[in-house]
Amino acid sequence: MRCGHICKISFSYYLHLPSKNYIMKKLVFFFSAILALSLVNAQTLTTPQPSPTQTVKQNFGVGFIELSYSRPGKKGRKIMGDLVPFGKVWRTGANGATTLTFSEDVTIGGKEIKAGKYGLLTIPDAGKWTIIITKDVDVNSPSMYKAENDVVRVQADALNTPFSIENFTINFADITGNSCKLELMWENTYLQFPITTGTDAKVMKQIDETMNKDNKPYFSAASYYYDNGKDLNQALGWVNKALETNKDAYFMYMLKARIHKKLGDKTASKAAATTCIELATKAKNDDYVKMATELIATL
């Protein structure tokens, strides 16, 4: 009885063992999974972009302009009229669309453009380019361009440079409180177009409003008036007010010396510059010592 019972159990056990085919299928699946995982891991290799993306955020006016574009390289190729064909819409870079974001209203080509994000396109030609600011921010091929979404078009002269520029470059230049230039350059071609903003009216309004409050920004207002060709006598009055509560401010004396010089008062300008040198020397600020010394030499 006992032997028969054991034999019966053993036979039942072997009946439930997996077959050789089943085991082989499991092994094939297991090793296939490992191979697939290895291939996935191998595909995560990160390499440099052939045309690296650049994002530039430039403070402008009382806000900023943000530029995003990709920078293809020349790499021994003929660019203008070949890789970049003449007479056709160009995305003005590589990879994705080139975009400009304005934090405040600006003016381009006499057209006021509301704050927001826009696409930057161009139509290159041998001597002149057409600059296009468009509502579309995803145009990365000529077929996607829609003229009805143009915000403004401006013409820019294409100049020849005496040197070759390897990577396509867009740059902000000649930046003032109210204007800047956007430069485009590649190979031996350079062009630029101006962007302006109504900063002056905004700042003047701020000055009028803050001068009616207790904590008056005398020095900032005086600096703005001096830098932007406003009433110099008013600027002088404000810098004197600022110095009443900050008598060791050498940088304020530097501004005072410059204002006096523009007003034609050389004696007062020299006196303010001399005080600037004394205070800056005490504060160990060699830059202001140098600037004040150079100003005195021009009187």
C-alpha atoms as a PDB file:
ATOM      1  CA  MET A   1       0.000   0.000   0.000  1.00  0.00           C
ATOM      2  CA  ARG A   2       2.709   2.385   0.998  1.00  0.00           C
ATOM      3  CA  CYS A   3       4.823   1.643  -2.082  1.00  0.00           C
ATOM      4  CA  GLY A   4       1.919   1.989  -4.415  1.00  0.00           C
ATOM      5  CA  HIS A   5       0.974   5.246  -2.830  1.00  0.00           C
ATOM      6  CA  ILE A   6       4.501   6.615  -3.229  1.00  0.00           C
ATOM      7  CA  CYS A   7       4.713   5.458  -6.824  1.00  0.00           C
ATOM      8  CA  LYS A   8       1.416   7.108  -7.557  1.00  0.00           C
ATOM      9  CA  ILE A   9       2.599  10.397  -6.116  1.00  0.00           C
ATOM     10  CA  SER A  10       5.906  10.237  -8.000  1.00  0.00           C
ATOM     11  CA  PHE A  11       4.178   9.547 -11.270  1.00  0.00           C
ATOM     12  CA  SER A  12       1.819  12.478 -10.644  1.00  0.00           C
ATOM     13  CA  TYR A  13       4.819  14.714  -9.925  1.00  0.00           C
ATOM     14  CA  TYR A  14       6.487  13.907 -13.251  1.00  0.00           C
ATOM     15  CA  LEU A  15       3.252  14.487 -15.080  1.00  0.00           C
ATOM     16  CA  HIS A  16       3.380  18.101 -13.905  1.00  0.00           C
ATOM     17  CA  LEU A  17       6.998  18.769 -14.826  1.00  0.00           C
ATOM     18  CA  PRO A  18       7.392  21.268 -17.749  1.00  0.00           C
ATOM     19  CA  SER A  19       8.314  19.794 -21.093  1.00  0.00           C
ATOM     20  CA  LYS A  20      11.688  20.387 -22.793  1.00  0.00           C
ATOM     21  CA  ASN A  21       9.998  22.546 -25.471  1.00  0.00           C
ATOM     22  CA  TYR A  22       8.404  24.721 -22.816  1.00  0.00           C
ATOM     23  CA  ILE A  23      11.736  25.229 -21.063  1.00  0.00           C
ATOM     24  CA  MET A  24      13.449  26.125 -24.347  1.00  0.00           C
ATOM     25  CA  LYS A  25      10.776  28.705 -25.147  1.00  0.00           C
ATOM     26  CA  LYS A  26      11.243  30.284 -21.725  1.00  0.00           C
ATOM     27  CA  LEU A  27      15.006  30.468 -22.182  1.00  0.00           C
ATOM     28  CA  VAL A  28      14.667  32.022 -25.644  1.00  0.00           C
ATOM     29  CA  PHE A  29      12.255  34.640 -24.278  1.00  0.00           C
ATOM     30  CA  PHE A  30      14.576  35.405 -21.345  1.00  0.00           C
ATOM     31  CA  PHE A  31      17.678  35.927 -23.458  1.00  0.00           C
ATOM     32  CA  SER A  32      15.712  37.912 -26.076  1.00  0.00           C
ATOM     33  CA  ALA A  33      14.553  40.264 -23.322  1.00  0.00           C
ATOM     34  CA  ILE A  34      18.141  40.763 -22.141  1.00  0.00           C
ATOM     35  CA  LEU A  35      19.306  41.472 -25.707  1.00  0.00           C
ATOM     36  CA  ALA A  36      16.480  43.975 -26.258  1.00  0.00           C
ATOM     37  CA  LEU A  37      17.319  45.759 -23.002  1.00  0.00           C
ATOM     38  CA  SER A  38      20.969  45.994 -24.049  1.00  0.00           C
ATOM     39  CA  LEU A  39      19.986  47.533 -27.383  1.00  0.00           C
ATOM     40  CA  VAL A  40      17.735  50.102 -25.672  1.00  0.00           C
ATOM     41  CA  ASN A  41      20.559  51.108 -23.345  1.00  0.00           C
ATOM     42  CA  ALA A  42      22.948  51.429 -26.302  1.00  0.00           C
ATOM     43  CA  GLN A  43      20.514  53.821 -28.031  1.00  0.00           C
ATOM     44  CA  THR A  44      20.651  56.393 -25.191  1.00  0.00           C
ATOM     45  CA  LEU A  45      24.066  57.679 -26.333  1.00  0.00           C
ATOM     46  CA  THR A  46      24.159  61.496 -26.279  1.00  0.00           C
ATOM     47  CA  THR A  47      26.178  63.249 -28.980  1.00  0.00           C
ATOM     48  CA  PRO A  48      26.797  66.955 -29.757  1.00  0.00           C
ATOM     49  CA  GLN A  49      24.274  68.780 -31.948  1.00  0.00           C
ATOM     50  CA  PRO A  50      25.636  69.348 -35.481  1.00  0.00           C
ATOM     51  CA  SER A  51      23.906  72.768 -35.403  1.00  0.00           C
ATOM     52  CA  PRO A  52      23.789  73.689 -31.701  1.00  0.00           C
ATOM     53  CA  THR A  53      20.815  75.620 -30.379  1.00  0.00           C
ATOM     54  CA  GLN A  54      21.437  78.978 -28.744  1.00  0.00           C
ATOM     55  CA  THR A  55      19.055  81.009 -26.588  1.00  0.00           C
ATOM     56  CA  VAL A  56      19.968  84.639 -25.878  1.00  0.00           C
ATOM     57  CA  LYS A  57      18.029  86.756 -23.392  1.00  0.00           C
ATOM     58  CA  GLN A  58      18.919  90.421 -23.825  1.00  0.00           C
ATOM     59  CA  ASN A  59      17.721  93.084 -21.394  1.00  0.00           C
ATOM     60  CA  PHE A  60      16.158  95.809 -23.503  1.00  0.00           C
ATOM     61  CA  GLY A  61      14.302  98.971 -22.495  1.00  0.00           C
ATOM     62  CA  VAL A  62      12.529  98.106 -19.254  1.00  0.00           C
ATOM     63  CA  GLY A  63      12.052  94.487 -20.355  1.00  0.00           C
ATOM     64  CA  PHE A  64      13.889  91.965 -22.523  1.00  0.00           C
ATOM     65  CA  ILE A  65      14.094  90.250 -25.914  1.00  0.00           C
ATOM     66  CA  GLU A  66      14.690  86.494 -26.048  1.00  0.00           C
ATOM     67  CA  LEU A  67      16.137  84.930 -29.192  1.00  0.00           C
ATOM     68  CA  SER A  68      16.180  81.176 -29.905  1.00  0.00           C
ATOM     69  CA  TYR A  69      17.857  79.687 -33.004  1.00  0.00           C
ATOM     70  CA  SER A  70      20.226  76.973 -34.188  1.00  0.00           C
ATOM     71  CA  ARG A  71      23.734  77.651 -35.493  1.00  0.00           C
ATOM     72  CA  PRO A  72      24.814  75.592 -38.504  1.00  0.00           C
ATOM     73  CA  GLY A  73      28.505  75.570 -39.416  1.00  0.00           C
ATOM     74  CA  LYS A  74      30.077  76.395 -42.764  1.00  0.00           C
ATOM     75  CA  LYS A  75      32.158  73.190 -42.752  1.00  0.00           C
ATOM     76  CA  GLY A  76      33.876  74.009 -46.042  1.00  0.00           C
ATOM     77  CA  ARG A  77      30.597  74.441 -47.916  1.00  0.00           C
ATOM     78  CA  LYS A  78      29.421  77.272 -50.132  1.00  0.00           C
ATOM     79  CA  ILE A  79      26.690  79.000 -48.109  1.00  0.00           C
ATOM     80  CA  MET A  80      25.112  82.067 -49.694  1.00  0.00           C
ATOM     81  CA  GLY A  81      23.299  81.303 -52.923  1.00  0.00           C
ATOM     82  CA  ASP A  82      23.893  77.581 -52.461  1.00  0.00           C
ATOM     83  CA  LEU A  83      23.182  75.984 -49.087  1.00  0.00           C
ATOM     84  CA  VAL A  84      21.121  79.104 -48.336  1.00  0.00           C
ATOM     85  CA  PRO A  85      19.403  79.738 -51.699  1.00  0.00           C
ATOM     86  CA  PHE A  86      18.649  83.257 -52.878  1.00  0.00           C
ATOM     87  CA  GLY A  87      15.073  84.384 -53.389  1.00  0.00           C
ATOM     88  CA  LYS A  88      13.496  81.762 -51.106  1.00  0.00           C
ATOM     89  CA  VAL A  89      12.138  81.860 -47.569  1.00  0.00           C
ATOM     90  CA  TRP A  90      14.748  80.614 -45.090  1.00  0.00           C
ATOM     91  CA  ARG A  91      14.056  79.570 -41.499  1.00  0.00           C
ATOM     92  CA  THR A  92      17.154  81.631 -40.608  1.00  0.00           C
ATOM     93  CA  GLY A  93      19.053  78.900 -38.843  1.00  0.00           C
ATOM     94  CA  ALA A  94      18.881  75.118 -38.688  1.00  0.00           C
ATOM     95  CA  ASN A  95      16.685  72.481 -37.055  1.00  0.00           C
ATOM     96  CA  GLY A  96      13.584  74.179 -35.608  1.00  0.00           C
ATOM     97  CA  ALA A  97      12.124  77.614 -36.234  1.00  0.00           C
ATOM     98  CA  THR A  98      13.952  80.784 -35.178  1.00  0.00           C
ATOM     99  CA  THR A  99      11.919  82.844 -32.702  1.00  0.00           C
ATOM    100  CA  LEU A 100      11.946  86.230 -30.979  1.00  0.00           C
ATOM    101  CA  THR A 101      10.054  86.943 -27.766  1.00  0.00           C
ATOM    102  CA  PHE A 102       9.400  90.567 -26.760  1.00  0.00           C
ATOM    103  CA  SER A 103       8.429  91.277 -23.152  1.00  0.00           C
ATOM    104  CA  GLU A 104       7.100  94.705 -24.141  1.00  0.00           C
ATOM    105  CA  ASP A 105       5.847  96.389 -27.297  1.00  0.00           C
ATOM    106  CA  VAL A 106       8.553  97.188 -29.857  1.00  0.00           C
ATOM    107  CA  THR A 107       8.741  98.828 -33.263  1.00  0.00           C
ATOM    108  CA  ILE A 108      10.375  97.236 -36.321  1.00  0.00           C
ATOM    109  CA  GLY A 109      10.272  98.851 -39.755  1.00  0.00           C
ATOM    110  CA  GLY A 110       7.837 101.505 -38.518  1.00  0.00           C
ATOM    111  CA  LYS A 111       5.365  98.832 -37.385  1.00  0.00           C
ATOM    112  CA  GLU A 112       4.416  98.537 -33.712  1.00  0.00           C
ATOM    113  CA  ILE A 113       4.622  94.914 -32.584  1.00  0.00           C
ATOM    114  CA  LYS A 114       2.806  93.853 -29.441  1.00  0.00           C
ATOM    115  CA  ALA A 115       4.620  91.958 -26.699  1.00  0.00           C
ATOM    116  CA  GLY A 116       4.706  88.222 -27.415  1.00  0.00           C
ATOM    117  CA  LYS A 117       6.509  85.446 -29.288  1.00  0.00           C
ATOM    118  CA  TYR A 118       7.112  85.651 -33.054  1.00  0.00           C
ATOM    119  CA  GLY A 119       8.935  83.769 -35.772  1.00  0.00           C
ATOM    120  CA  LEU A 120      11.954  85.279 -37.548  1.00  0.00           C
ATOM    121  CA  LEU A 121      12.274  84.396 -41.247  1.00  0.00           C
ATOM    122  CA  THR A 122      14.373  85.846 -44.051  1.00  0.00           C
ATOM    123  CA  ILE A 123      14.553  85.870 -47.833  1.00  0.00           C
ATOM    124  CA  PRO A 124      18.276  86.164 -48.622  1.00  0.00           C
ATOM    125  CA  ASP A 125      19.620  87.743 -51.797  1.00  0.00           C
ATOM    126  CA  ALA A 126      23.000  88.835 -53.095  1.00  0.00           C
ATOM    127  CA  GLY A 127      22.800  92.492 -52.059  1.00  0.00           C
ATOM    128  CA  LYS A 128      19.668  92.776 -49.925  1.00  0.00           C
ATOM    129  CA  TRP A 129      17.697  90.548 -47.589  1.00  0.00           C
ATOM    130  CA  THR A 130      14.034  90.655 -46.637  1.00  0.00           C
ATOM    131  CA  ILE A 131      13.449  90.281 -42.901  1.00  0.00           C
ATOM    132  CA  ILE A 132      10.070  88.798 -41.949  1.00  0.00           C
ATOM    133  CA  ILE A 133       8.498  88.898 -38.496  1.00  0.00           C
ATOM    134  CA  THR A 134       5.652  86.387 -38.513  1.00  0.00           C
ATOM    135  CA  LYS A 135       2.922  85.248 -36.127  1.00  0.00           C
ATOM    136  CA  ASP A 136       3.936  81.655 -36.898  1.00  0.00           C
ATOM    137  CA  VAL A 137       6.516  80.318 -34.437  1.00  0.00           C
ATOM    138  CA  ASP A 138       7.024  76.862 -35.978  1.00  0.00           C
ATOM    139  CA  VAL A 139       8.075  77.553 -39.588  1.00  0.00           C
ATOM    140  CA  ASN A 140      11.102  75.325 -40.168  1.00  0.00           C
ATOM    141  CA  SER A 141      10.668  74.803 -43.923  1.00  0.00           C
ATOM    142  CA  PRO A 142       9.572  77.029 -46.848  1.00  0.00           C
ATOM    143  CA  SER A 143       6.443  74.922 -47.380  1.00  0.00           C
ATOM    144  CA  MET A 144       5.109  75.925 -43.941  1.00  0.00           C
ATOM    145  CA  TYR A 145       5.388  79.675 -44.601  1.00  0.00           C
ATOM    146  CA  LYS A 146       2.149  81.646 -44.890  1.00  0.00           C
ATOM    147  CA  ALA A 147       2.490  85.248 -46.082  1.00  0.00           C
ATOM    148  CA  GLU A 148      -0.868  86.179 -44.526  1.00  0.00           C
ATOM    149  CA  ASN A 149       0.699  85.719 -41.079  1.00  0.00           C
ATOM    150  CA  ASP A 150       3.407  88.339 -41.704  1.00  0.00           C
ATOM    151  CA  VAL A 151       3.503  91.033 -39.032  1.00  0.00           C
ATOM    152  CA  VAL A 152       6.081  93.180 -40.807  1.00  0.00           C
ATOM    153  CA  ARG A 153       8.702  92.980 -43.563  1.00  0.00           C
ATOM    154  CA  VAL A 154      11.840  95.110 -43.658  1.00  0.00           C
ATOM    155  CA  GLN A 155      14.732  95.344 -46.114  1.00  0.00           C
ATOM    156  CA  ALA A 156      18.352  95.081 -44.956  1.00  0.00           C
ATOM    157  CA  ASP A 157      21.512  95.618 -47.004  1.00  0.00           C
ATOM    158  CA  ALA A 158      23.810  92.577 -47.138  1.00  0.00           C
ATOM    159  CA  LEU A 159      27.438  93.640 -46.670  1.00  0.00           C
ATOM    160  CA  ASN A 160      30.575  91.634 -47.432  1.00  0.00           C
ATOM    161  CA  THR A 161      32.956  91.012 -44.540  1.00  0.00           C
ATOM    162  CA  PRO A 162      36.741  90.759 -45.055  1.00  0.00           C
ATOM    163  CA  PHE A 163      36.755  87.584 -42.954  1.00  0.00           C
ATOM    164  CA  SER A 164      34.752  84.360 -42.951  1.00  0.00           C
ATOM    165  CA  ILE A 165      32.338  83.490 -40.135  1.00  0.00           C
ATOM    166  CA  GLU A 166      32.164  79.742 -39.518  1.00  0.00           C
ATOM    167  CA  ASN A 167      28.895  79.461 -37.571  1.00  0.00           C
ATOM    168  CA  PHE A 168      25.684  81.286 -38.407  1.00  0.00           C
ATOM    169  CA  THR A 169      25.346  84.024 -35.799  1.00  0.00           C
ATOM    170  CA  ILE A 170      22.533  86.315 -34.643  1.00  0.00           C
ATOM    171  CA  ASN A 171      23.568  88.982 -32.171  1.00  0.00           C
ATOM    172  CA  PHE A 172      22.250  92.070 -30.350  1.00  0.00           C
ATOM    173  CA  ALA A 173      24.381  95.198 -30.837  1.00  0.00           C
ATOM    174  CA  ASP A 174      24.403  98.989 -30.316  1.00  0.00           C
ATOM    175  CA  ILE A 175      22.072  98.637 -27.332  1.00  0.00           C
ATOM    176  CA  THR A 176      20.664 101.814 -25.779  1.00  0.00           C
ATOM    177  CA  GLY A 177      17.707 102.493 -23.511  1.00  0.00           C
ATOM    178  CA  ASN A 178      15.423 102.856 -26.514  1.00  0.00           C
ATOM    179  CA  SER A 179      16.937 100.877 -29.380  1.00  0.00           C
ATOM    180  CA  CYS A 180      19.155  98.011 -30.460  1.00  0.00           C
ATOM    181  CA  LYS A 181      20.207  96.288 -33.655  1.00  0.00           C
ATOM    182  CA  LEU A 182      19.749  92.637 -34.477  1.00  0.00           C
ATOM    183  CA  GLU A 183      22.757  91.443 -36.490  1.00  0.00           C
ATOM    184  CA  LEU A 184      22.861  88.384 -38.750  1.00  0.00           C
ATOM    185  CA  MET A 185      26.137  87.045 -40.099  1.00  0.00           C
ATOM    186  CA  TRP A 186      27.505  83.947 -41.813  1.00  0.00           C
ATOM    187  CA  GLU A 187      30.286  83.174 -44.271  1.00  0.00           C
ATOM    188  CA  ASN A 188      31.192  86.641 -45.658  1.00  0.00           C
ATOM    189  CA  THR A 189      27.742  88.203 -45.234  1.00  0.00           C
ATOM    190  CA  TYR A 190      26.636  90.683 -42.572  1.00  0.00           C
ATOM    191  CA  LEU A 191      23.340  92.541 -42.168  1.00  0.00           C
ATOM    192  CA  GLN A 192      21.373  94.206 -39.386  1.00  0.00           C
ATOM    193  CA  PHE A 193      18.053  95.867 -38.695  1.00  0.00           C
ATOM    194  CA  PRO A 194      16.927  98.163 -35.841  1.00  0.00           C
ATOM    195  CA  ILE A 195      14.431  97.447 -33.066  1.00  0.00           C
ATOM    196  CA  THR A 196      13.092 100.331 -30.974  1.00  0.00           C
ATOM    197  CA  THR A 197      10.848 100.607 -27.949  1.00  0.00           C
ATOM    198  CA  GLY A 198       8.976 103.407 -26.174  1.00  0.00           C
ATOM    199  CA  THR A 199      11.136 103.255 -23.068  1.00  0.00           C
ATOM    200  CA  ASP A 200      11.598 106.991 -22.694  1.00  0.00           C
ATOM    201  CA  ALA A 201       7.909 107.744 -22.191  1.00  0.00           C
ATOM    202  CA  LYS A 202       7.619 104.936 -19.636  1.00  0.00           C
ATOM    203  CA  VAL A 203      10.673 106.047 -17.649  1.00  0.00           C
ATOM    204  CA  MET A 204       9.659 109.716 -17.702  1.00  0.00           C
ATOM    205  CA  LYS A 205       6.234 108.731 -16.375  1.00  0.00           C
ATOM    206  CA  GLN A 206       7.891 106.707 -13.611  1.00  0.00           C
ATOM    207  CA  ILE A 207      10.131 109.631 -12.681  1.00  0.00           C
ATOM    208  CA  ASP A 208       7.149 112.004 -12.482  1.00  0.00           C
ATOM    209  CA  GLU A 209       5.257 109.546 -10.285  1.00  0.00           C
ATOM    210  CA  THR A 210       8.133 108.639  -7.938  1.00  0.00           C
ATOM    211  CA  MET A 211       9.213 112.240  -7.385  1.00  0.00           C
ATOM    212  CA  ASN A 212       5.884 112.796  -5.633  1.00  0.00           C
ATOM    213  CA  LYS A 213       6.687 110.103  -3.061  1.00  0.00           C
ATOM    214  CA  ASP A 214       8.824 110.155   0.085  1.00  0.00           C
ATOM    215  CA  ASN A 215      11.628 107.880  -1.134  1.00  0.00           C
ATOM    216  CA  LYS A 216      12.697 109.774  -4.249  1.00  0.00           C
ATOM    217  CA  PRO A 217      15.167 108.087  -6.677  1.00  0.00           C
ATOM    218  CA  TYR A 218      17.284 111.199  -7.170  1.00  0.00           C
ATOM    219  CA  PHE A 219      20.450 109.491  -8.411  1.00  0.00           C
ATOM    220  CA  SER A 220      18.681 107.134 -10.850  1.00  0.00           C
ATOM    221  CA  ALA A 221      16.651 110.003 -12.272  1.00  0.00           C
ATOM    222  CA  ALA A 222      19.754 112.203 -12.616  1.00  0.00           C
ATOM    223  CA  SER A 223      21.609 109.364 -14.382  1.00  0.00           C
ATOM    224  CA  TYR A 224      18.746 108.845 -16.818  1.00  0.00           C
ATOM    225  CA  TYR A 225      18.556 112.559 -17.622  1.00  0.00           C
ATOM    226  CA  TYR A 226      22.320 112.701 -18.222  1.00  0.00           C
ATOM    227  CA  ASP A 227      22.452 109.545 -20.341  1.00  0.00           C
ATOM    228  CA  ASN A 228      19.490 110.515 -22.501  1.00  0.00           C
ATOM    229  CA  GLY A 229      20.159 114.216 -23.167  1.00  0.00           C
ATOM    230  CA  LYS A 230      17.450 115.604 -20.886  1.00  0.00           C
ATOM    231  CA  ASP A 231      17.515 118.790 -18.786  1.00  0.00           C
ATOM    232  CA  LEU A 232      21.039 118.838 -17.315  1.00  0.00           C
ATOM    233  CA  ASN A 233      20.239 121.506 -14.735  1.00  0.00           C
ATOM    234  CA  GLN A 234      17.476 119.274 -13.401  1.00  0.00           C
ATOM    235  CA  ALA A 235      19.907 116.333 -13.396  1.00  0.00           C
ATOM    236  CA  LEU A 236      22.426 118.416 -11.423  1.00  0.00           C
ATOM    237  CA  GLY A 237      19.774 119.392  -8.881  1.00  0.00           C
ATOM    238  CA  TRP A 238      18.841 115.748  -8.385  1.00  0.00           C
ATOM    239  CA  VAL A 239      22.413 114.475  -7.980  1.00  0.00           C
ATOM    240  CA  ASN A 240      23.020 117.212  -5.383  1.00  0.00           C
ATOM    241  CA  LYS A 241      19.903 116.035  -3.532  1.00  0.00           C
ATOM    242  CA  ALA A 242      21.205 112.456  -3.643  1.00  0.00           C
ATOM    243  CA  LEU A 243      24.570 113.540  -2.208  1.00  0.00           C
ATOM    244  CA  GLU A 244      22.873 115.210   0.788  1.00  0.00           C
ATOM    245  CA  THR A 245      22.142 111.765   2.221  1.00  0.00           C
ATOM    246  CA  ASN A 246      25.152 109.914   0.809  1.00  0.00           C
ATOM    247  CA  LYS A 247      28.182 112.164   1.100  1.00  0.00           C
ATOM    248  CA  ASP A 248      30.747 109.394   0.500  1.00  0.00           C
ATOM    249  CA  ALA A 249      29.223 108.185  -2.765  1.00  0.00           C
ATOM    250  CA  TYR A 250      32.182 108.632  -5.152  1.00  0.00           C
ATOM    251  CA  PHE A 251      30.085 107.373  -8.074  1.00  0.00           C
ATOM    252  CA  MET A 252      27.638 110.235  -7.530  1.00  0.00           C
ATOM    253  CA  TYR A 253      30.498 112.741  -7.626  1.00  0.00           C
ATOM    254  CA  MET A 254      31.586 111.151 -10.901  1.00  0.00           C
ATOM    255  CA  LEU A 255      28.134 111.799 -12.368  1.00  0.00           C
ATOM    256  CA  LYS A 256      28.195 115.353 -10.978  1.00  0.00           C
ATOM    257  CA  ALA A 257      31.571 115.974 -12.645  1.00  0.00           C
ATOM    258  CA  ARG A 258      30.227 114.752 -15.977  1.00  0.00           C
ATOM    259  CA  ILE A 259      27.123 116.929 -15.752  1.00  0.00           C
ATOM    260  CA  HIS A 260      29.195 120.028 -14.928  1.00  0.00           C
ATOM    261  CA  LYS A 261      31.461 119.248 -17.886  1.00  0.00           C
ATOM    262  CA  LYS A 262      28.489 119.048 -20.268  1.00  0.00           C
ATOM    263  CA  LEU A 263      27.151 122.307 -18.854  1.00  0.00           C
ATOM    264  CA  GLY A 264      30.535 123.923 -19.602  1.00  0.00           C
ATOM    265  CA  ASP A 265      31.557 124.525 -15.973  1.00  0.00           C
ATOM    266  CA  LYS A 266      35.121 123.155 -15.969  1.00  0.00           C
ATOM    267  CA  THR A 267      35.971 124.433 -12.476  1.00  0.00           C
ATOM    268  CA  ALA A 268      32.986 122.694 -10.865  1.00  0.00           C
ATOM    269  CA  SER A 269      33.630 119.585 -12.946  1.00  0.00           C
ATOM    270  CA  LYS A 270      37.249 119.376 -11.760  1.00  0.00           C
ATOM    271  CA  ALA A 271      36.210 119.898  -8.134  1.00  0.00           C
ATOM    272  CA  ALA A 272      33.632 117.082  -8.296  1.00  0.00           C
ATOM    273  CA  ALA A 273      36.101 114.765 -10.068  1.00  0.00           C
ATOM    274  CA  THR A 274      38.775 115.505  -7.452  1.00  0.00           C
ATOM    275  CA  THR A 275      36.354 114.594  -4.660  1.00  0.00           C
ATOM    276  CA  CYS A 276      35.501 111.422  -6.560  1.00  0.00           C
ATOM    277  CA  ILE A 277      39.203 110.479  -6.669  1.00  0.00           C
ATOM    278  CA  GLU A 278      39.621 111.083  -2.920  1.00  0.00           C
ATOM    279  CA  LEU A 279      36.562 109.014  -1.961  1.00  0.00           C
ATOM    280  CA  ALA A 280      37.240 106.248  -4.495  1.00  0.00           C
ATOM    281  CA  THR A 281      40.846 105.970  -3.279  1.00  0.00           C
ATOM    282  CA  LYS A 282      39.564 105.595   0.276  1.00  0.00           C
ATOM    283  CA  ALA A 283      37.098 102.927  -0.914  1.00  0.00           C
ATOM    284  CA  LYS A 284      39.876 101.213  -2.938  1.00  0.00           C
ATOM    285  CA  ASN A 285      37.963 101.495  -6.196  1.00  0.00           C
ATOM    286  CA  ASP A 286      40.642 101.999  -8.837  1.00  0.00           C
ATOM    287  CA  ASP A 287      38.142 102.098 -11.713  1.00  0.00           C
ATOM    288  CA  TYR A 288      36.561 105.333 -10.519  1.00  0.00           C
ATOM    289  CA  VAL A 289      39.955 106.830  -9.679  1.00  0.00           C
ATOM    290  CA  LYS A 290      40.963 106.164 -13.274  1.00  0.00           C
ATOM    291  CA  MET A 291      37.728 107.544 -14.773  1.00  0.00           C
ATOM    292  CA  ALA A 292      37.856 110.741 -12.718  1.00  0.00           C
ATOM    293  CA  THR A 293      41.552 111.264 -13.510  1.00  0.00           C
ATOM    294  CA  GLU A 294      40.861 110.854 -17.223  1.00  0.00           C
ATOM    295  CA  LEU A 295      37.949 113.301 -17.034  1.00  0.00           C
ATOM    296  CA  ILE A 296      40.147 115.955 -15.407  1.00  0.00           C
ATOM    297  CA  ALA A 297      42.697 115.494 -18.191  1.00  0.00           C
ATOM    298  CA  THR A 298      40.055 116.444 -20.781  1.00  0.00           C
ATOM    299  CA  LEU A 299      39.068 119.738 -19.114  1.00  0.00           C
END
